[in-house]
Amino acid sequence: MGAVLIAAGFVRGAVGFGDALLAMPLLALLIPVQSAAPLVAMTGLLIAIVILFKEWRHIEFQTTLVLTTCGLLAIPVGVWILKFGNEQIVKPILACVVIVYSIWSLWRPTSLELKSDKLAPVFGIAAGLLGGAYNTSGPPLVIYGTLRRWPQQQLRAMLQAYCLIGSIWIVCNHSLHGLLTLSLLKQFATAAPLIVAATSLGQFITRDLPRQKFAAWVNFSLLISGAILLLSCLNASG
């Protein structure tokens, strides 16, 4: 399990998201989803701290506040879905939306754009629901940031600011629902130093990427994430 969390740290350090979409399906093969979710949430919190240590100056506070507030309101509903709902309904929909968007963006990267922040609450709520349920708040936020044509540093900083606050709230909700155990805390503590190192390495590799190349990396990562999520749904139903 530690290797999965370390790989997730590297991916998130490189492109700013994707750690949960990588880790959740793999961890679900080893432990129950109800155990994987709080473990990934704690990992996401640690990664956000590492990235923001260097990039907090690039946060666009007003929009990030709207996204985060709406997300926080939706997270308890997402955690309820995790405990009582049917994940085979939400996850395939998310996977298909992510795949379609990423393919469209790779094919016609400048054809879609949001001119204002009017739809920020919608994306924040979607991120909160998916974050609370499956720790997959990244895709709605990434799609929003790319549609707003945010530069690399601003997009990555917004994602981490959201994740920092959102992950704390998610972990608290997991604890309230009895999903956070001493065994999970020990496993997380063991992997934590290597997660920090992997995250820093990912940051270093993509630090000087030109904007267009970074956008292509992000959209390709979205495509891979959506494919992994869809495959995990198909395997679970097969």
Protein backbone atom coordinates (compact mmCIF):
# COMPACT_ATOMS: atom_id res chain seq x y z
CA MET A 1 0.00 0.00 0.00
CA GLY A 2 2.85 2.36 0.73
CA ALA A 3 4.09 2.13 -2.87
CA VAL A 4 0.67 3.22 -4.15
CA LEU A 5 0.64 6.29 -1.89
CA ILE A 6 4.19 7.22 -2.91
CA ALA A 7 3.27 6.99 -6.61
CA ALA A 8 0.22 9.13 -5.89
CA GLY A 9 2.45 11.78 -4.31
CA PHE A 10 4.66 11.90 -7.40
CA VAL A 11 1.69 12.27 -9.77
CA ARG A 12 0.09 15.02 -7.69
CA GLY A 13 3.40 16.86 -7.36
CA ALA A 14 3.85 16.76 -11.13
CA VAL A 15 0.42 17.89 -12.36
CA GLY A 16 -1.38 19.07 -9.22
CA PHE A 17 -4.03 16.35 -9.02
CA GLY A 18 -4.67 12.70 -9.89
CA ASP A 19 -3.37 11.13 -6.69
CA ALA A 20 -6.75 9.79 -5.59
CA LEU A 21 -7.75 8.64 -9.06
CA LEU A 22 -4.55 6.62 -9.15
CA ALA A 23 -4.59 5.40 -5.56
CA MET A 24 -8.27 4.63 -4.94
CA PRO A 25 -8.71 1.88 -7.59
CA LEU A 26 -5.39 0.25 -6.67
CA LEU A 27 -5.98 0.37 -2.93
CA ALA A 28 -9.50 -0.98 -3.45
CA LEU A 29 -7.87 -4.17 -4.73
CA LEU A 30 -6.07 -4.55 -1.38
CA ILE A 31 -8.43 -3.10 1.23
CA PRO A 32 -12.13 -2.09 1.41
CA VAL A 33 -13.10 1.25 -0.17
CA GLN A 34 -14.22 2.43 3.28
CA SER A 35 -10.60 2.00 4.47
CA ALA A 36 -8.95 3.30 1.30
CA ALA A 37 -10.88 6.60 1.33
CA PRO A 38 -9.57 7.98 4.66
CA LEU A 39 -6.05 6.75 3.86
CA VAL A 40 -6.07 8.62 0.55
CA ALA A 41 -7.61 11.69 2.21
CA MET A 42 -4.74 11.87 4.73
CA THR A 43 -2.24 11.45 1.90
CA GLY A 44 -3.90 14.25 -0.06
CA LEU A 45 -3.69 16.54 2.96
CA LEU A 46 0.03 15.91 3.35
CA ILE A 47 0.69 16.45 -0.37
CA ALA A 48 -1.22 19.75 -0.34
CA ILE A 49 0.95 21.04 2.52
CA VAL A 50 4.15 20.10 0.65
CA ILE A 51 3.09 21.80 -2.60
CA LEU A 52 1.65 24.93 -0.98
CA PHE A 53 4.86 25.44 0.98
CA LYS A 54 6.40 26.61 -2.31
CA GLU A 55 3.37 27.81 -4.33
CA TRP A 56 0.93 29.51 -1.92
CA ARG A 57 1.66 32.94 -3.44
CA HIS A 58 -0.12 31.91 -6.66
CA ILE A 59 -3.51 31.28 -5.00
CA GLU A 60 -6.42 33.32 -6.43
CA PHE A 61 -8.15 33.72 -3.08
CA GLN A 62 -11.59 35.00 -4.09
CA THR A 63 -12.45 32.20 -6.52
CA THR A 64 -10.75 29.57 -4.37
CA LEU A 65 -12.92 30.69 -1.44
CA VAL A 66 -16.10 30.17 -3.49
CA LEU A 67 -14.99 26.73 -4.72
CA THR A 68 -13.90 25.65 -1.25
CA THR A 69 -17.01 26.89 0.58
CA CYS A 70 -19.34 25.10 -1.83
CA GLY A 71 -17.18 22.00 -1.64
CA LEU A 72 -17.22 21.95 2.16
CA LEU A 73 -21.02 22.09 2.16
CA ALA A 74 -21.19 19.11 -0.21
CA ILE A 75 -18.51 16.92 1.42
CA PRO A 76 -20.77 15.48 4.20
CA VAL A 77 -23.23 14.37 1.53
CA GLY A 78 -20.37 12.69 -0.33
CA VAL A 79 -19.25 10.88 2.82
CA TRP A 80 -22.83 9.71 3.34
CA ILE A 81 -22.80 8.36 -0.23
CA LEU A 82 -19.55 6.51 0.57
CA LYS A 83 -21.09 4.84 3.61
CA PHE A 84 -24.62 4.15 2.40
CA GLY A 85 -24.79 4.80 -1.34
CA ASN A 86 -24.09 2.83 -4.49
CA GLU A 87 -20.71 3.84 -5.88
CA GLN A 88 -21.45 2.04 -9.17
CA ILE A 89 -23.85 4.85 -10.10
CA VAL A 90 -21.67 7.92 -9.51
CA LYS A 91 -18.23 6.65 -10.54
CA PRO A 92 -19.07 5.64 -14.15
CA ILE A 93 -20.70 9.02 -14.75
CA LEU A 94 -17.63 10.82 -13.42
CA ALA A 95 -15.33 8.64 -15.52
CA CYS A 96 -17.25 9.30 -18.75
CA VAL A 97 -17.39 13.06 -18.16
CA VAL A 98 -13.64 13.21 -17.49
CA ILE A 99 -12.78 11.08 -20.54
CA VAL A 100 -14.99 13.08 -22.92
CA TYR A 101 -13.67 16.41 -21.64
CA SER A 102 -10.01 15.39 -21.79
CA ILE A 103 -10.30 14.01 -25.33
CA TRP A 104 -12.06 17.19 -26.47
CA SER A 105 -9.41 19.37 -24.82
CA LEU A 106 -6.53 17.44 -26.39
CA TRP A 107 -8.22 17.63 -29.79
CA ARG A 108 -9.33 21.28 -29.66
CA PRO A 109 -7.48 22.85 -26.71
CA THR A 110 -8.75 26.42 -27.20
CA SER A 111 -12.36 25.82 -28.21
CA LEU A 112 -13.97 25.97 -24.75
CA GLU A 113 -13.53 28.79 -22.25
CA LEU A 114 -15.34 30.25 -19.24
CA LYS A 115 -15.22 34.05 -19.23
CA SER A 116 -16.25 34.53 -15.58
CA ASP A 117 -16.54 32.78 -12.22
CA LYS A 118 -20.35 32.49 -12.27
CA LEU A 119 -20.23 28.68 -12.47
CA ALA A 120 -17.65 28.28 -9.70
CA PRO A 121 -20.28 27.13 -7.13
CA VAL A 122 -21.41 24.31 -9.45
CA PHE A 123 -17.87 23.00 -9.84
CA GLY A 124 -17.22 23.42 -6.10
CA ILE A 125 -20.30 21.36 -5.19
CA ALA A 126 -19.33 18.64 -7.68
CA ALA A 127 -15.82 18.56 -6.21
CA GLY A 128 -17.20 18.30 -2.67
CA LEU A 129 -19.57 15.44 -3.49
CA LEU A 130 -16.89 13.43 -5.28
CA GLY A 131 -14.24 14.29 -2.70
CA GLY A 132 -16.36 13.19 0.23
CA ALA A 133 -17.37 9.97 -1.47
CA TYR A 134 -14.25 8.85 -3.33
CA ASN A 135 -11.51 11.46 -2.73
CA THR A 136 -11.83 12.46 -6.40
CA SER A 137 -12.45 16.19 -6.07
CA GLY A 138 -9.67 16.96 -8.56
CA PRO A 139 -11.38 16.51 -11.97
CA PRO A 140 -14.16 19.12 -11.51
CA LEU A 141 -11.61 21.64 -10.21
CA VAL A 142 -9.09 20.92 -12.97
CA ILE A 143 -11.79 21.24 -15.62
CA TYR A 144 -12.87 24.55 -14.11
CA GLY A 145 -9.32 25.93 -13.96
CA THR A 146 -8.52 24.90 -17.53
CA LEU A 147 -11.80 26.37 -18.82
CA ARG A 148 -10.86 29.63 -17.09
CA ARG A 149 -7.44 29.49 -18.80
CA TRP A 150 -5.55 29.81 -15.53
CA PRO A 151 -1.75 29.60 -15.75
CA GLN A 152 0.07 26.55 -14.42
CA GLN A 153 1.02 27.96 -11.00
CA GLN A 154 -2.44 29.39 -10.33
CA LEU A 155 -4.22 26.15 -11.24
CA ARG A 156 -1.90 24.02 -9.14
CA ALA A 157 -2.09 26.40 -6.15
CA MET A 158 -5.91 26.52 -6.27
CA LEU A 159 -6.09 22.73 -6.30
CA GLN A 160 -3.85 22.46 -3.25
CA ALA A 161 -5.65 25.20 -1.31
CA TYR A 162 -8.96 23.45 -1.91
CA CYS A 163 -7.47 20.08 -1.01
CA LEU A 164 -5.84 21.38 2.16
CA ILE A 165 -9.13 22.57 3.65
CA GLY A 166 -11.24 19.90 1.98
CA SER A 167 -9.03 17.02 3.12
CA ILE A 168 -9.17 18.20 6.74
CA TRP A 169 -12.96 18.26 6.53
CA ILE A 170 -13.07 14.88 4.77
CA VAL A 171 -10.83 13.25 7.39
CA CYS A 172 -13.02 14.71 10.17
CA ASN A 173 -16.14 13.31 8.53
CA HIS A 174 -14.49 9.92 8.04
CA SER A 175 -13.58 9.93 11.72
CA LEU A 176 -17.13 10.85 12.76
CA HIS A 177 -18.45 7.93 10.69
CA GLY A 178 -15.96 5.52 12.28
CA LEU A 179 -13.93 5.01 9.08
CA LEU A 180 -10.60 6.27 10.47
CA THR A 181 -8.76 3.61 12.49
CA LEU A 182 -5.48 3.37 14.39
CA SER A 183 -4.22 0.81 11.87
CA LEU A 184 -4.75 3.26 8.98
CA LEU A 185 -2.96 6.01 10.91
CA LYS A 186 0.05 3.75 11.42
CA GLN A 187 0.17 2.81 7.73
CA PHE A 188 -0.02 6.46 6.72
CA ALA A 189 2.73 7.50 9.18
CA THR A 190 5.05 4.83 7.79
CA ALA A 191 4.67 6.04 4.22
CA ALA A 192 4.60 9.80 4.97
CA PRO A 193 8.34 10.63 4.55
CA LEU A 194 8.51 8.94 1.15
CA ILE A 195 5.27 10.61 0.07
CA VAL A 196 6.85 14.00 0.82
CA ALA A 197 9.96 13.10 -1.19
CA ALA A 198 7.95 11.82 -4.17
CA THR A 199 5.76 14.94 -4.20
CA SER A 200 8.80 17.22 -4.21
CA LEU A 201 10.33 15.24 -7.07
CA GLY A 202 7.15 15.60 -9.13
CA GLN A 203 7.14 19.35 -8.52
CA PHE A 204 10.76 19.66 -9.62
CA ILE A 205 10.25 17.76 -12.89
CA THR A 206 7.38 19.97 -14.12
CA ARG A 207 8.55 23.24 -12.60
CA ASP A 208 9.69 24.87 -15.84
CA LEU A 209 7.24 23.32 -18.32
CA PRO A 210 5.79 25.83 -20.85
CA ARG A 211 2.07 26.55 -20.41
CA GLN A 212 0.90 24.62 -23.48
CA LYS A 213 2.94 21.54 -22.57
CA PHE A 214 1.65 21.66 -19.01
CA ALA A 215 -1.94 21.92 -20.28
CA ALA A 216 -1.34 18.87 -22.47
CA TRP A 217 0.09 16.99 -19.46
CA VAL A 218 -2.98 17.91 -17.42
CA ASN A 219 -5.46 16.83 -20.08
CA PHE A 220 -3.60 13.60 -20.76
CA SER A 221 -3.52 12.90 -17.02
CA LEU A 222 -7.27 13.51 -16.89
CA LEU A 223 -7.74 11.01 -19.72
CA ILE A 224 -5.68 8.35 -17.94
CA SER A 225 -7.47 9.05 -14.65
CA GLY A 226 -10.87 8.72 -16.27
CA ALA A 227 -9.85 5.48 -17.95
CA ILE A 228 -8.56 4.03 -14.66
CA LEU A 229 -11.79 5.01 -12.92
CA LEU A 230 -13.95 3.50 -15.68
CA LEU A 231 -11.93 0.27 -15.66
CA SER A 232 -12.33 -0.02 -11.90
CA CYS A 233 -16.10 0.33 -12.32
CA LEU A 234 -16.18 -2.35 -15.03
CA ASN A 235 -14.08 -4.71 -12.93
CA ALA A 236 -16.34 -4.21 -9.93
CA SER A 237 -19.46 -4.96 -11.95
CA GLY A 238 -17.89 -7.89 -13.83
